Amino acid sequence: MPKTAIILGATGLTGGLLTGLLMKDANYSKIKLFTRRPTGFSDPKIEEIQCDVLDLEASKDNFTGDVIFCCIGTTKAKTPDRHLYHKIDYGIPMEAAQLAIENSIDTFLVISSVGTSDKSTFFYVRTKGEMERDLLKIGIPHTYIMKPAFINGRPDEDRKGEKGLKLLMKITDFFMMGPLKKYRSTHALQIARAMAYLGIHPHKNANISNDQIKTLSQQYEP
């Protein structure tokens, strides 16, 4: 039976690519986009719900479906205020996961990062590690934490120095062999394809490594 997907972060790079994939995927009959501003997507499957994503509880009656894709995240550069950063990278996934339990949604996917740890002395690394730890405690049956390395595929204008960084990653990727292979950059489309695949195909692992993301991306056939 076709599923209803909930996407948080459809205006971002990976969330936007994921939305585009699901629009063409017969496994999904409805796509609910929870967003603070218009996404620009137009399709019979799309239901756009404009709301305060920092207060999803206020929209809980609409927060119904089969699969939640949490693609919301920020960076230190975009959100230097630590309190706000925590509300975004920790608070939004936690609130969405609690609503998933309340509304009997059994599949939850979230984008995190390689190298996270709830024991880290670095605030930004620790925040993602705490999110992963507490998300798993909530107990959604099919929980998948995407752990990519550097995410490639952003338009050059999105970040200062992005063009140079892309070139640097191509060079460093070439030399990343053996144990370092897991740190090779990952394209945002690979993450989106892997998430779309996991939304309909249960997986034995909750933590989806950088290499697994690339493998699952190749297996996705809408």
N, C-alpha and C. Protein backbone atom coordinates (compact mmCIF):
# COMPACT_ATOMS: atom_id res chain seq x y z
N MET A 1 0.84 -1.19 0.00
CA MET A 1 0.00 0.00 0.00
C MET A 1 0.88 1.25 0.00
N PRO A 2 0.61 2.21 -0.88
CA PRO A 2 1.41 3.44 -0.92
C PRO A 2 1.45 4.15 0.43
N LYS A 3 2.58 4.77 0.71
CA LYS A 3 2.81 5.40 2.01
C LYS A 3 2.64 6.91 1.95
N THR A 4 2.41 7.47 3.14
CA THR A 4 2.43 8.92 3.31
C THR A 4 3.74 9.30 3.98
N ALA A 5 4.50 10.18 3.34
CA ALA A 5 5.79 10.62 3.87
C ALA A 5 5.66 12.00 4.48
N ILE A 6 6.36 12.20 5.58
CA ILE A 6 6.51 13.52 6.19
C ILE A 6 7.96 13.93 6.00
N ILE A 7 8.17 15.11 5.43
CA ILE A 7 9.53 15.60 5.23
C ILE A 7 9.72 16.91 5.98
N LEU A 8 10.74 16.94 6.81
CA LEU A 8 11.18 18.16 7.49
C LEU A 8 12.47 18.61 6.83
N GLY A 9 12.48 19.82 6.31
CA GLY A 9 13.68 20.33 5.66
C GLY A 9 13.64 20.24 4.15
N ALA A 10 12.46 20.34 3.56
CA ALA A 10 12.32 20.24 2.10
C ALA A 10 12.95 21.42 1.37
N THR A 11 13.19 22.53 2.07
CA THR A 11 13.81 23.68 1.41
C THR A 11 15.34 23.58 1.43
N GLY A 12 15.87 22.59 2.10
CA GLY A 12 17.30 22.37 2.11
C GLY A 12 17.74 21.50 0.94
N LEU A 13 19.04 21.30 0.81
CA LEU A 13 19.58 20.56 -0.33
C LEU A 13 19.09 19.11 -0.36
N THR A 14 19.40 18.34 0.67
CA THR A 14 19.04 16.92 0.66
C THR A 14 17.53 16.74 0.74
N GLY A 15 16.86 17.52 1.57
CA GLY A 15 15.42 17.43 1.69
C GLY A 15 14.71 17.75 0.38
N GLY A 16 15.23 18.72 -0.36
CA GLY A 16 14.66 19.07 -1.64
C GLY A 16 14.84 17.96 -2.67
N LEU A 17 16.02 17.36 -2.68
CA LEU A 17 16.28 16.25 -3.59
C LEU A 17 15.40 15.05 -3.24
N LEU A 18 15.24 14.79 -1.94
CA LEU A 18 14.38 13.69 -1.50
C LEU A 18 12.94 13.92 -1.92
N THR A 19 12.46 15.15 -1.75
CA THR A 19 11.09 15.47 -2.15
C THR A 19 10.89 15.19 -3.64
N GLY A 20 11.86 15.60 -4.44
CA GLY A 20 11.78 15.35 -5.88
C GLY A 20 11.72 13.87 -6.21
N LEU A 21 12.48 13.07 -5.48
CA LEU A 21 12.47 11.62 -5.71
C LEU A 21 11.11 11.01 -5.36
N LEU A 22 10.57 11.41 -4.22
CA LEU A 22 9.31 10.81 -3.76
C LEU A 22 8.13 11.23 -4.62
N MET A 23 8.22 12.39 -5.23
CA MET A 23 7.16 12.83 -6.14
C MET A 23 7.01 11.86 -7.30
N LYS A 24 8.11 11.20 -7.70
CA LYS A 24 8.09 10.27 -8.83
C LYS A 24 8.00 8.81 -8.38
N ASP A 25 7.99 8.58 -7.08
CA ASP A 25 8.03 7.23 -6.53
C ASP A 25 6.61 6.73 -6.24
N ALA A 26 6.22 5.64 -6.91
CA ALA A 26 4.87 5.09 -6.75
C ALA A 26 4.64 4.49 -5.37
N ASN A 27 5.71 4.30 -4.59
CA ASN A 27 5.56 3.77 -3.24
C ASN A 27 4.99 4.80 -2.27
N TYR A 28 4.95 6.08 -2.71
CA TYR A 28 4.45 7.15 -1.86
C TYR A 28 3.29 7.85 -2.57
N SER A 29 2.15 7.91 -1.89
CA SER A 29 0.97 8.54 -2.47
C SER A 29 0.77 9.97 -1.99
N LYS A 30 1.37 10.32 -0.84
CA LYS A 30 1.26 11.68 -0.31
C LYS A 30 2.57 12.07 0.35
N ILE A 31 2.93 13.34 0.18
CA ILE A 31 4.15 13.87 0.79
C ILE A 31 3.78 15.13 1.55
N LYS A 32 3.89 15.09 2.86
CA LYS A 32 3.59 16.24 3.70
C LYS A 32 4.88 16.99 4.00
N LEU A 33 4.92 18.25 3.60
CA LEU A 33 6.09 19.08 3.84
C LEU A 33 5.80 20.06 4.97
N PHE A 34 6.46 19.86 6.10
CA PHE A 34 6.33 20.79 7.23
C PHE A 34 7.44 21.81 7.08
N THR A 35 7.07 23.07 6.91
CA THR A 35 8.05 24.08 6.54
C THR A 35 7.64 25.44 7.07
N ARG A 36 8.62 26.29 7.33
CA ARG A 36 8.31 27.64 7.81
C ARG A 36 8.11 28.61 6.67
N ARG A 37 8.49 28.22 5.45
CA ARG A 37 8.30 29.09 4.30
C ARG A 37 7.95 28.23 3.08
N PRO A 38 7.34 28.82 2.04
CA PRO A 38 6.96 28.05 0.86
C PRO A 38 8.15 27.31 0.26
N THR A 39 7.90 26.08 -0.17
CA THR A 39 8.99 25.25 -0.71
C THR A 39 9.16 25.40 -2.21
N GLY A 40 8.10 25.80 -2.89
CA GLY A 40 8.17 25.91 -4.35
C GLY A 40 7.80 24.64 -5.07
N PHE A 41 7.53 23.55 -4.34
CA PHE A 41 7.15 22.30 -4.98
C PHE A 41 5.67 22.34 -5.35
N SER A 42 5.36 21.78 -6.50
CA SER A 42 3.97 21.71 -6.95
C SER A 42 3.72 20.34 -7.56
N ASP A 43 2.89 19.57 -6.91
CA ASP A 43 2.60 18.21 -7.37
C ASP A 43 1.35 17.73 -6.65
N PRO A 44 0.51 16.90 -7.29
CA PRO A 44 -0.69 16.41 -6.63
C PRO A 44 -0.41 15.68 -5.32
N LYS A 45 0.78 15.12 -5.19
CA LYS A 45 1.12 14.40 -3.96
C LYS A 45 1.42 15.34 -2.79
N ILE A 46 1.82 16.56 -3.10
CA ILE A 46 2.34 17.47 -2.08
C ILE A 46 1.23 18.11 -1.25
N GLU A 47 1.42 18.06 0.07
CA GLU A 47 0.61 18.83 1.00
C GLU A 47 1.58 19.67 1.83
N GLU A 48 1.57 20.96 1.60
CA GLU A 48 2.51 21.85 2.28
C GLU A 48 1.86 22.43 3.53
N ILE A 49 2.52 22.22 4.65
CA ILE A 49 2.00 22.69 5.94
C ILE A 49 2.99 23.71 6.49
N GLN A 50 2.65 24.99 6.36
CA GLN A 50 3.54 26.03 6.86
C GLN A 50 3.32 26.20 8.36
N CYS A 51 4.40 26.11 9.10
CA CYS A 51 4.31 26.13 10.56
C CYS A 51 5.66 26.52 11.15
N ASP A 52 5.69 26.64 12.45
CA ASP A 52 6.94 26.85 13.18
C ASP A 52 7.54 25.47 13.44
N VAL A 53 8.59 25.12 12.72
CA VAL A 53 9.16 23.78 12.86
C VAL A 53 9.85 23.59 14.21
N LEU A 54 10.05 24.68 14.95
CA LEU A 54 10.58 24.57 16.30
C LEU A 54 9.46 24.26 17.30
N ASP A 55 8.23 24.22 16.81
CA ASP A 55 7.07 23.90 17.65
C ASP A 55 6.14 22.99 16.87
N LEU A 56 6.61 21.78 16.57
CA LEU A 56 5.81 20.84 15.79
C LEU A 56 4.59 20.36 16.55
N GLU A 57 4.65 20.43 17.88
CA GLU A 57 3.52 20.00 18.70
C GLU A 57 2.25 20.76 18.31
N ALA A 58 2.40 22.01 17.91
CA ALA A 58 1.24 22.83 17.54
C ALA A 58 0.58 22.30 16.27
N SER A 59 1.31 21.48 15.50
CA SER A 59 0.76 20.92 14.25
C SER A 59 0.58 19.41 14.36
N LYS A 60 0.47 18.90 15.57
CA LYS A 60 0.45 17.44 15.77
C LYS A 60 -0.72 16.76 15.07
N ASP A 61 -1.86 17.44 14.90
CA ASP A 61 -3.01 16.81 14.24
C ASP A 61 -2.74 16.51 12.78
N ASN A 62 -1.85 17.29 12.17
CA ASN A 62 -1.47 17.05 10.77
C ASN A 62 -0.26 16.13 10.65
N PHE A 63 0.37 15.84 11.78
CA PHE A 63 1.61 15.08 11.77
C PHE A 63 1.30 13.58 11.76
N THR A 64 0.66 13.14 10.70
CA THR A 64 0.27 11.74 10.55
C THR A 64 0.82 11.20 9.24
N GLY A 65 1.20 9.94 9.24
CA GLY A 65 1.75 9.33 8.03
C GLY A 65 2.38 8.00 8.34
N ASP A 66 3.31 7.59 7.48
CA ASP A 66 3.97 6.29 7.64
C ASP A 66 5.47 6.40 7.85
N VAL A 67 6.07 7.43 7.26
CA VAL A 67 7.52 7.59 7.32
C VAL A 67 7.86 9.05 7.55
N ILE A 68 8.78 9.31 8.49
CA ILE A 68 9.26 10.67 8.73
C ILE A 68 10.70 10.77 8.24
N PHE A 69 10.95 11.75 7.39
CA PHE A 69 12.30 12.05 6.92
C PHE A 69 12.72 13.39 7.52
N CYS A 70 13.64 13.36 8.47
CA CYS A 70 14.09 14.59 9.12
C CYS A 70 15.41 15.04 8.48
N CYS A 71 15.30 16.00 7.57
CA CYS A 71 16.46 16.49 6.83
C CYS A 71 16.89 17.87 7.31
N ILE A 72 16.37 18.28 8.45
CA ILE A 72 16.69 19.60 8.97
C ILE A 72 18.02 19.55 9.73
N GLY A 73 18.83 20.54 9.49
CA GLY A 73 20.10 20.64 10.21
C GLY A 73 20.70 22.00 9.94
N THR A 74 21.66 22.38 10.74
CA THR A 74 22.31 23.67 10.55
C THR A 74 23.80 23.51 10.75
N THR A 75 24.52 24.59 10.69
CA THR A 75 25.97 24.58 10.87
C THR A 75 26.35 25.69 11.86
N LYS A 76 27.56 25.61 12.34
CA LYS A 76 28.06 26.64 13.24
C LYS A 76 28.08 28.00 12.55
N ALA A 77 28.43 27.99 11.24
CA ALA A 77 28.50 29.24 10.48
C ALA A 77 27.11 29.88 10.34
N LYS A 78 26.10 29.06 10.06
CA LYS A 78 24.76 29.59 9.87
C LYS A 78 24.07 29.93 11.19
N THR A 79 24.39 29.15 12.22
CA THR A 79 23.73 29.33 13.52
C THR A 79 24.78 29.37 14.62
N PRO A 80 25.44 30.50 14.81
CA PRO A 80 26.49 30.60 15.84
C PRO A 80 25.93 30.55 17.26
N ASP A 81 24.66 30.92 17.43
CA ASP A 81 24.03 30.88 18.75
C ASP A 81 23.83 29.42 19.17
N ARG A 82 24.50 29.00 20.23
CA ARG A 82 24.46 27.58 20.63
C ARG A 82 23.08 27.13 21.07
N HIS A 83 22.34 28.02 21.71
CA HIS A 83 21.00 27.65 22.18
C HIS A 83 20.11 27.34 20.98
N LEU A 84 20.15 28.19 19.97
CA LEU A 84 19.33 27.98 18.78
C LEU A 84 19.81 26.75 18.02
N TYR A 85 21.12 26.58 17.93
CA TYR A 85 21.68 25.41 17.26
C TYR A 85 21.14 24.12 17.90
N HIS A 86 21.12 24.08 19.23
CA HIS A 86 20.64 22.90 19.94
C HIS A 86 19.15 22.68 19.67
N LYS A 87 18.38 23.75 19.61
CA LYS A 87 16.94 23.64 19.35
C LYS A 87 16.68 23.06 17.96
N ILE A 88 17.58 23.35 17.02
CA ILE A 88 17.41 22.85 15.66
C ILE A 88 17.91 21.42 15.52
N ASP A 89 19.18 21.20 15.84
CA ASP A 89 19.80 19.90 15.57
C ASP A 89 19.41 18.82 16.57
N TYR A 90 19.00 19.22 17.76
CA TYR A 90 18.55 18.24 18.77
C TYR A 90 17.03 18.32 18.95
N GLY A 91 16.52 19.53 19.13
CA GLY A 91 15.12 19.70 19.49
C GLY A 91 14.14 19.25 18.43
N ILE A 92 14.39 19.61 17.17
CA ILE A 92 13.45 19.25 16.11
C ILE A 92 13.35 17.73 15.92
N PRO A 93 14.47 17.01 15.79
CA PRO A 93 14.35 15.54 15.67
C PRO A 93 13.66 14.90 16.87
N MET A 94 13.95 15.41 18.08
CA MET A 94 13.35 14.82 19.28
C MET A 94 11.83 15.03 19.30
N GLU A 95 11.40 16.23 18.97
CA GLU A 95 9.96 16.50 18.99
C GLU A 95 9.25 15.71 17.90
N ALA A 96 9.89 15.62 16.73
CA ALA A 96 9.30 14.84 15.64
C ALA A 96 9.20 13.36 16.01
N ALA A 97 10.20 12.86 16.70
CA ALA A 97 10.20 11.45 17.11
C ALA A 97 9.11 11.19 18.15
N GLN A 98 8.92 12.11 19.07
CA GLN A 98 7.86 11.95 20.07
C GLN A 98 6.48 11.94 19.40
N LEU A 99 6.31 12.80 18.40
CA LEU A 99 5.04 12.82 17.68
C LEU A 99 4.85 11.54 16.87
N ALA A 100 5.96 10.97 16.40
CA ALA A 100 5.88 9.70 15.68
C ALA A 100 5.31 8.61 16.58
N ILE A 101 5.77 8.58 17.81
CA ILE A 101 5.26 7.59 18.78
C ILE A 101 3.78 7.84 19.05
N GLU A 102 3.43 9.09 19.29
CA GLU A 102 2.04 9.44 19.60
C GLU A 102 1.09 9.10 18.44
N ASN A 103 1.58 9.26 17.21
CA ASN A 103 0.73 9.05 16.04
C ASN A 103 1.01 7.72 15.33
N SER A 104 1.69 6.81 16.04
CA SER A 104 1.93 5.43 15.55
C SER A 104 2.63 5.39 14.19
N ILE A 105 3.64 6.25 14.02
CA ILE A 105 4.47 6.22 12.82
C ILE A 105 5.70 5.37 13.14
N ASP A 106 5.92 4.31 12.36
CA ASP A 106 6.94 3.33 12.77
C ASP A 106 8.28 3.44 12.06
N THR A 107 8.44 4.46 11.19
CA THR A 107 9.71 4.62 10.48
C THR A 107 10.18 6.06 10.58
N PHE A 108 11.42 6.25 11.01
CA PHE A 108 11.97 7.59 11.23
C PHE A 108 13.40 7.62 10.72
N LEU A 109 13.70 8.56 9.85
CA LEU A 109 15.04 8.73 9.32
C LEU A 109 15.52 10.15 9.59
N VAL A 110 16.79 10.26 9.97
CA VAL A 110 17.36 11.57 10.27
C VAL A 110 18.79 11.64 9.75
N ILE A 111 19.19 12.82 9.31
CA ILE A 111 20.56 13.02 8.84
C ILE A 111 21.42 13.53 9.99
N SER A 112 22.48 12.81 10.28
CA SER A 112 23.44 13.23 11.30
C SER A 112 24.79 13.40 10.61
N SER A 113 25.83 12.82 11.17
CA SER A 113 27.16 12.99 10.60
C SER A 113 28.10 11.89 11.09
N VAL A 114 29.12 11.62 10.31
CA VAL A 114 30.15 10.70 10.75
C VAL A 114 30.92 11.33 11.92
N GLY A 115 31.40 10.51 12.83
CA GLY A 115 32.27 10.99 13.91
C GLY A 115 31.59 11.65 15.08
N THR A 116 30.26 11.50 15.22
CA THR A 116 29.56 12.11 16.34
C THR A 116 29.79 11.32 17.63
N SER A 117 29.62 11.99 18.77
CA SER A 117 29.76 11.32 20.06
C SER A 117 29.12 12.16 21.16
N ASP A 118 28.30 11.51 21.97
CA ASP A 118 27.67 12.24 23.07
C ASP A 118 28.66 12.52 24.20
N LYS A 119 29.88 12.02 24.06
CA LYS A 119 30.93 12.25 25.06
C LYS A 119 31.94 13.29 24.60
N SER A 120 31.77 13.81 23.41
CA SER A 120 32.74 14.74 22.84
C SER A 120 32.80 16.04 23.65
N THR A 121 33.96 16.63 23.68
CA THR A 121 34.13 17.94 24.33
C THR A 121 33.73 19.07 23.38
N PHE A 122 33.52 18.75 22.11
CA PHE A 122 33.13 19.74 21.12
C PHE A 122 31.61 19.82 21.06
N PHE A 123 31.06 20.98 21.31
CA PHE A 123 29.62 21.17 21.42
C PHE A 123 28.85 20.64 20.22
N TYR A 124 29.31 20.96 19.02
CA TYR A 124 28.55 20.62 17.81
C TYR A 124 28.57 19.12 17.55
N VAL A 125 29.69 18.49 17.81
CA VAL A 125 29.80 17.03 17.67
C VAL A 125 28.97 16.35 18.75
N ARG A 126 29.03 16.88 19.95
CA ARG A 126 28.29 16.29 21.09
C ARG A 126 26.78 16.42 20.90
N THR A 127 26.33 17.55 20.37
CA THR A 127 24.90 17.76 20.16
C THR A 127 24.31 16.68 19.26
N LYS A 128 24.97 16.40 18.14
CA LYS A 128 24.49 15.35 17.24
C LYS A 128 24.57 13.98 17.90
N GLY A 129 25.61 13.75 18.68
CA GLY A 129 25.74 12.48 19.39
C GLY A 129 24.63 12.28 20.40
N GLU A 130 24.27 13.34 21.11
CA GLU A 130 23.17 13.27 22.08
C GLU A 130 21.84 13.04 21.38
N MET A 131 21.68 13.68 20.22
CA MET A 131 20.45 13.47 19.44
C MET A 131 20.32 12.01 19.04
N GLU A 132 21.39 11.43 18.53
CA GLU A 132 21.36 10.03 18.11
C GLU A 132 21.05 9.11 19.30
N ARG A 133 21.72 9.35 20.40
CA ARG A 133 21.52 8.53 21.61
C ARG A 133 20.07 8.58 22.07
N ASP A 134 19.52 9.77 22.19
CA ASP A 134 18.17 9.92 22.74
C ASP A 134 17.09 9.50 21.74
N LEU A 135 17.38 9.65 20.45
CA LEU A 135 16.44 9.20 19.43
C LEU A 135 16.25 7.69 19.52
N LEU A 136 17.34 6.96 19.68
CA LEU A 136 17.25 5.51 19.77
C LEU A 136 16.49 5.07 21.03
N LYS A 137 16.60 5.87 22.09
CA LYS A 137 15.88 5.56 23.34
C LYS A 137 14.37 5.66 23.17
N ILE A 138 13.91 6.50 22.25
CA ILE A 138 12.48 6.69 22.05
C ILE A 138 11.82 5.40 21.56
N GLY A 139 12.55 4.63 20.78
CA GLY A 139 12.07 3.30 20.43
C GLY A 139 11.16 3.19 19.23
N ILE A 140 11.30 4.07 18.25
CA ILE A 140 10.56 3.91 17.01
C ILE A 140 11.08 2.65 16.32
N PRO A 141 10.21 1.72 15.93
CA PRO A 141 10.66 0.42 15.42
C PRO A 141 11.72 0.47 14.33
N HIS A 142 11.52 1.33 13.35
CA HIS A 142 12.49 1.44 12.25
C HIS A 142 13.11 2.83 12.27
N THR A 143 14.20 2.95 13.00
CA THR A 143 14.91 4.22 13.13
C THR A 143 16.23 4.11 12.39
N TYR A 144 16.49 5.08 11.52
CA TYR A 144 17.72 5.06 10.74
C TYR A 144 18.42 6.41 10.83
N ILE A 145 19.68 6.38 11.24
CA ILE A 145 20.48 7.59 11.41
C ILE A 145 21.53 7.61 10.30
N MET A 146 21.37 8.55 9.38
CA MET A 146 22.30 8.67 8.26
C MET A 146 23.56 9.39 8.73
N LYS A 147 24.73 8.77 8.49
CA LYS A 147 25.97 9.32 9.01
C LYS A 147 26.98 9.56 7.87
N PRO A 148 26.66 10.56 7.03
CA PRO A 148 27.59 10.88 5.93
C PRO A 148 28.80 11.65 6.43
N ALA A 149 29.83 11.68 5.58
CA ALA A 149 30.97 12.56 5.83
C ALA A 149 30.62 13.92 5.21
N PHE A 150 31.55 14.60 4.62
CA PHE A 150 31.27 15.88 3.98
C PHE A 150 30.21 15.69 2.90
N ILE A 151 29.15 16.51 2.93
CA ILE A 151 28.06 16.40 1.95
C ILE A 151 28.38 17.29 0.75
N ASN A 152 28.52 16.67 -0.40
CA ASN A 152 28.83 17.38 -1.62
C ASN A 152 27.55 17.66 -2.40
N GLY A 153 27.62 18.57 -3.35
CA GLY A 153 26.48 18.83 -4.21
C GLY A 153 25.82 20.16 -4.00
N ARG A 154 26.32 20.96 -3.06
CA ARG A 154 25.74 22.28 -2.84
C ARG A 154 26.14 23.24 -3.95
N PRO A 155 25.22 24.15 -4.33
CA PRO A 155 25.61 25.18 -5.29
C PRO A 155 26.76 26.01 -4.72
N ASP A 156 27.63 26.46 -5.57
CA ASP A 156 28.82 27.20 -5.12
C ASP A 156 28.47 28.42 -4.28
N GLU A 157 27.34 29.05 -4.58
CA GLU A 157 27.03 30.29 -3.89
C GLU A 157 26.51 30.04 -2.47
N ASP A 158 26.23 28.83 -2.13
CA ASP A 158 25.64 28.56 -0.82
C ASP A 158 26.61 28.82 0.32
N ARG A 159 27.88 28.56 0.08
CA ARG A 159 28.85 28.73 1.15
C ARG A 159 30.10 29.41 0.61
N LYS A 160 30.67 30.28 1.40
CA LYS A 160 31.90 30.95 1.00
C LYS A 160 33.01 29.91 0.84
N GLY A 161 33.67 29.95 -0.29
CA GLY A 161 34.77 29.02 -0.51
C GLY A 161 34.34 27.63 -0.91
N GLU A 162 33.06 27.46 -1.24
CA GLU A 162 32.55 26.11 -1.56
C GLU A 162 33.24 25.51 -2.78
N LYS A 163 33.48 26.32 -3.78
CA LYS A 163 34.10 25.80 -5.00
C LYS A 163 35.49 25.24 -4.69
N GLY A 164 36.25 25.97 -3.91
CA GLY A 164 37.58 25.51 -3.54
C GLY A 164 37.52 24.27 -2.66
N LEU A 165 36.51 24.23 -1.78
CA LEU A 165 36.36 23.09 -0.89
C LEU A 165 36.01 21.83 -1.67
N LYS A 166 35.16 21.98 -2.70
CA LYS A 166 34.82 20.83 -3.54
C LYS A 166 36.07 20.27 -4.21
N LEU A 167 36.90 21.15 -4.73
CA LEU A 167 38.13 20.71 -5.38
C LEU A 167 39.04 20.01 -4.38
N LEU A 168 39.13 20.57 -3.18
CA LEU A 168 39.96 19.96 -2.14
C LEU A 168 39.45 18.56 -1.79
N MET A 169 38.10 18.41 -1.70
CA MET A 169 37.54 17.11 -1.35
C MET A 169 37.80 16.07 -2.43
N LYS A 170 37.79 16.49 -3.70
CA LYS A 170 38.11 15.57 -4.78
C LYS A 170 39.53 15.04 -4.64
N ILE A 171 40.42 15.94 -4.26
CA ILE A 171 41.82 15.56 -4.09
C ILE A 171 41.99 14.63 -2.90
N THR A 172 41.40 15.03 -1.76
CA THR A 172 41.56 14.22 -0.54
C THR A 172 40.83 12.88 -0.66
N ASP A 173 39.69 12.85 -1.36
CA ASP A 173 38.98 11.59 -1.57
C ASP A 173 39.88 10.57 -2.28
N PHE A 174 40.67 11.07 -3.22
CA PHE A 174 41.55 10.19 -4.00
C PHE A 174 42.55 9.47 -3.09
N PHE A 175 43.00 10.15 -2.04
CA PHE A 175 44.02 9.58 -1.17
C PHE A 175 43.43 8.84 0.05
N MET A 176 42.11 8.89 0.20
CA MET A 176 41.48 8.22 1.34
C MET A 176 41.27 6.74 1.04
N MET A 177 42.19 5.93 1.52
CA MET A 177 42.13 4.48 1.30
C MET A 177 42.03 3.76 2.64
N GLY A 178 41.69 2.49 2.61
CA GLY A 178 41.64 1.68 3.82
C GLY A 178 40.71 2.26 4.86
N PRO A 179 41.17 2.42 6.11
CA PRO A 179 40.32 2.93 7.20
C PRO A 179 39.79 4.34 6.94
N LEU A 180 40.48 5.10 6.09
CA LEU A 180 40.06 6.48 5.81
C LEU A 180 38.96 6.56 4.76
N LYS A 181 38.67 5.45 4.12
CA LYS A 181 37.69 5.45 3.03
C LYS A 181 36.31 5.93 3.50
N LYS A 182 36.00 5.63 4.75
CA LYS A 182 34.68 6.00 5.28
C LYS A 182 34.48 7.50 5.38
N TYR A 183 35.57 8.28 5.25
CA TYR A 183 35.47 9.73 5.36
C TYR A 183 35.39 10.42 3.99
N ARG A 184 35.31 9.64 2.91
CA ARG A 184 35.16 10.25 1.60
C ARG A 184 33.84 11.00 1.51
N SER A 185 33.84 12.08 0.74
CA SER A 185 32.64 12.90 0.63
C SER A 185 31.48 12.12 0.00
N THR A 186 30.27 12.54 0.34
CA THR A 186 29.06 11.89 -0.15
C THR A 186 28.17 12.94 -0.82
N HIS A 187 27.63 12.61 -1.98
CA HIS A 187 26.76 13.56 -2.66
C HIS A 187 25.39 13.54 -2.00
N ALA A 188 24.77 14.71 -1.92
CA ALA A 188 23.46 14.83 -1.29
C ALA A 188 22.43 13.93 -1.95
N LEU A 189 22.53 13.74 -3.26
CA LEU A 189 21.58 12.87 -3.96
C LEU A 189 21.72 11.42 -3.50
N GLN A 190 22.94 11.00 -3.16
CA GLN A 190 23.13 9.66 -2.63
C GLN A 190 22.42 9.49 -1.30
N ILE A 191 22.48 10.51 -0.47
CA ILE A 191 21.79 10.46 0.82
C ILE A 191 20.29 10.39 0.61
N ALA A 192 19.78 11.23 -0.29
CA ALA A 192 18.34 11.26 -0.58
C ALA A 192 17.86 9.92 -1.11
N ARG A 193 18.62 9.31 -2.01
CA ARG A 193 18.24 8.02 -2.58
C ARG A 193 18.27 6.92 -1.52
N ALA A 194 19.28 6.96 -0.66
CA ALA A 194 19.37 5.96 0.41
C ALA A 194 18.21 6.09 1.39
N MET A 195 17.83 7.32 1.70
CA MET A 195 16.70 7.55 2.61
C MET A 195 15.39 7.07 1.99
N ALA A 196 15.19 7.36 0.70
CA ALA A 196 13.98 6.91 0.01
C ALA A 196 13.92 5.38 0.02
N TYR A 197 15.06 4.75 -0.15
CA TYR A 197 15.13 3.27 -0.14
C TYR A 197 14.77 2.72 1.24
N LEU A 198 15.34 3.29 2.28
CA LEU A 198 15.09 2.81 3.64
C LEU A 198 13.66 3.05 4.09
N GLY A 199 13.00 4.03 3.48
CA GLY A 199 11.62 4.29 3.83
C GLY A 199 10.68 3.15 3.47
N ILE A 200 11.10 2.31 2.55
CA ILE A 200 10.26 1.19 2.12
C ILE A 200 10.91 -0.17 2.30
N HIS A 201 12.22 -0.17 2.63
CA HIS A 201 12.93 -1.43 2.83
C HIS A 201 13.58 -1.45 4.21
N PRO A 202 13.06 -2.21 5.15
CA PRO A 202 13.66 -2.29 6.49
C PRO A 202 15.12 -2.72 6.42
N HIS A 203 15.91 -2.21 7.34
CA HIS A 203 17.35 -2.49 7.38
C HIS A 203 17.72 -2.94 8.79
N LYS A 204 18.72 -3.79 8.90
CA LYS A 204 19.08 -4.34 10.20
C LYS A 204 19.82 -3.34 11.09
N ASN A 205 20.46 -2.35 10.49
CA ASN A 205 21.25 -1.40 11.26
C ASN A 205 20.52 -0.06 11.43
N ALA A 206 20.61 0.49 12.63
CA ALA A 206 20.03 1.82 12.86
C ALA A 206 20.98 2.90 12.35
N ASN A 207 22.28 2.70 12.56
CA ASN A 207 23.27 3.66 12.11
C ASN A 207 23.71 3.30 10.69
N ILE A 208 23.47 4.21 9.76
CA ILE A 208 23.80 3.97 8.36
C ILE A 208 25.07 4.74 8.03
N SER A 209 26.15 4.00 7.86
CA SER A 209 27.46 4.60 7.66
C SER A 209 27.57 5.27 6.29
N ASN A 210 28.64 6.01 6.11
CA ASN A 210 28.90 6.69 4.85
C ASN A 210 28.93 5.71 3.69
N ASP A 211 29.63 4.58 3.88
CA ASP A 211 29.70 3.56 2.83
C ASP A 211 28.34 2.92 2.57
N GLN A 212 27.58 2.68 3.64
CA GLN A 212 26.25 2.07 3.47
C GLN A 212 25.31 3.01 2.73
N ILE A 213 25.43 4.30 2.97
CA ILE A 213 24.61 5.27 2.25
C ILE A 213 24.82 5.12 0.75
N LYS A 214 26.07 5.01 0.35
CA LYS A 214 26.39 4.89 -1.09
C LYS A 214 25.87 3.58 -1.66
N THR A 215 25.97 2.51 -0.89
CA THR A 215 25.49 1.20 -1.36
C THR A 215 23.97 1.21 -1.51
N LEU A 216 23.27 1.72 -0.49
CA LEU A 216 21.80 1.75 -0.53
C LEU A 216 21.28 2.67 -1.63
N SER A 217 22.04 3.74 -1.88
CA SER A 217 21.66 4.66 -2.96
C SER A 217 21.60 3.93 -4.30
N GLN A 218 22.54 3.04 -4.53
CA GLN A 218 22.59 2.29 -5.78
C GLN A 218 21.44 1.29 -5.88
N GLN A 219 20.89 0.87 -4.74
CA GLN A 219 19.82 -0.12 -4.74
C GLN A 219 18.44 0.50 -4.93
N TYR A 220 18.36 1.82 -4.80
CA TYR A 220 17.06 2.49 -4.89
C TYR A 220 16.53 2.50 -6.31
N GLU A 221 15.32 1.98 -6.48
CA GLU A 221 14.63 1.99 -7.77
C GLU A 221 13.19 2.43 -7.53
N PRO A 222 12.85 3.68 -7.84
CA PRO A 222 11.50 4.18 -7.57
C PRO A 222 10.44 3.46 -8.42
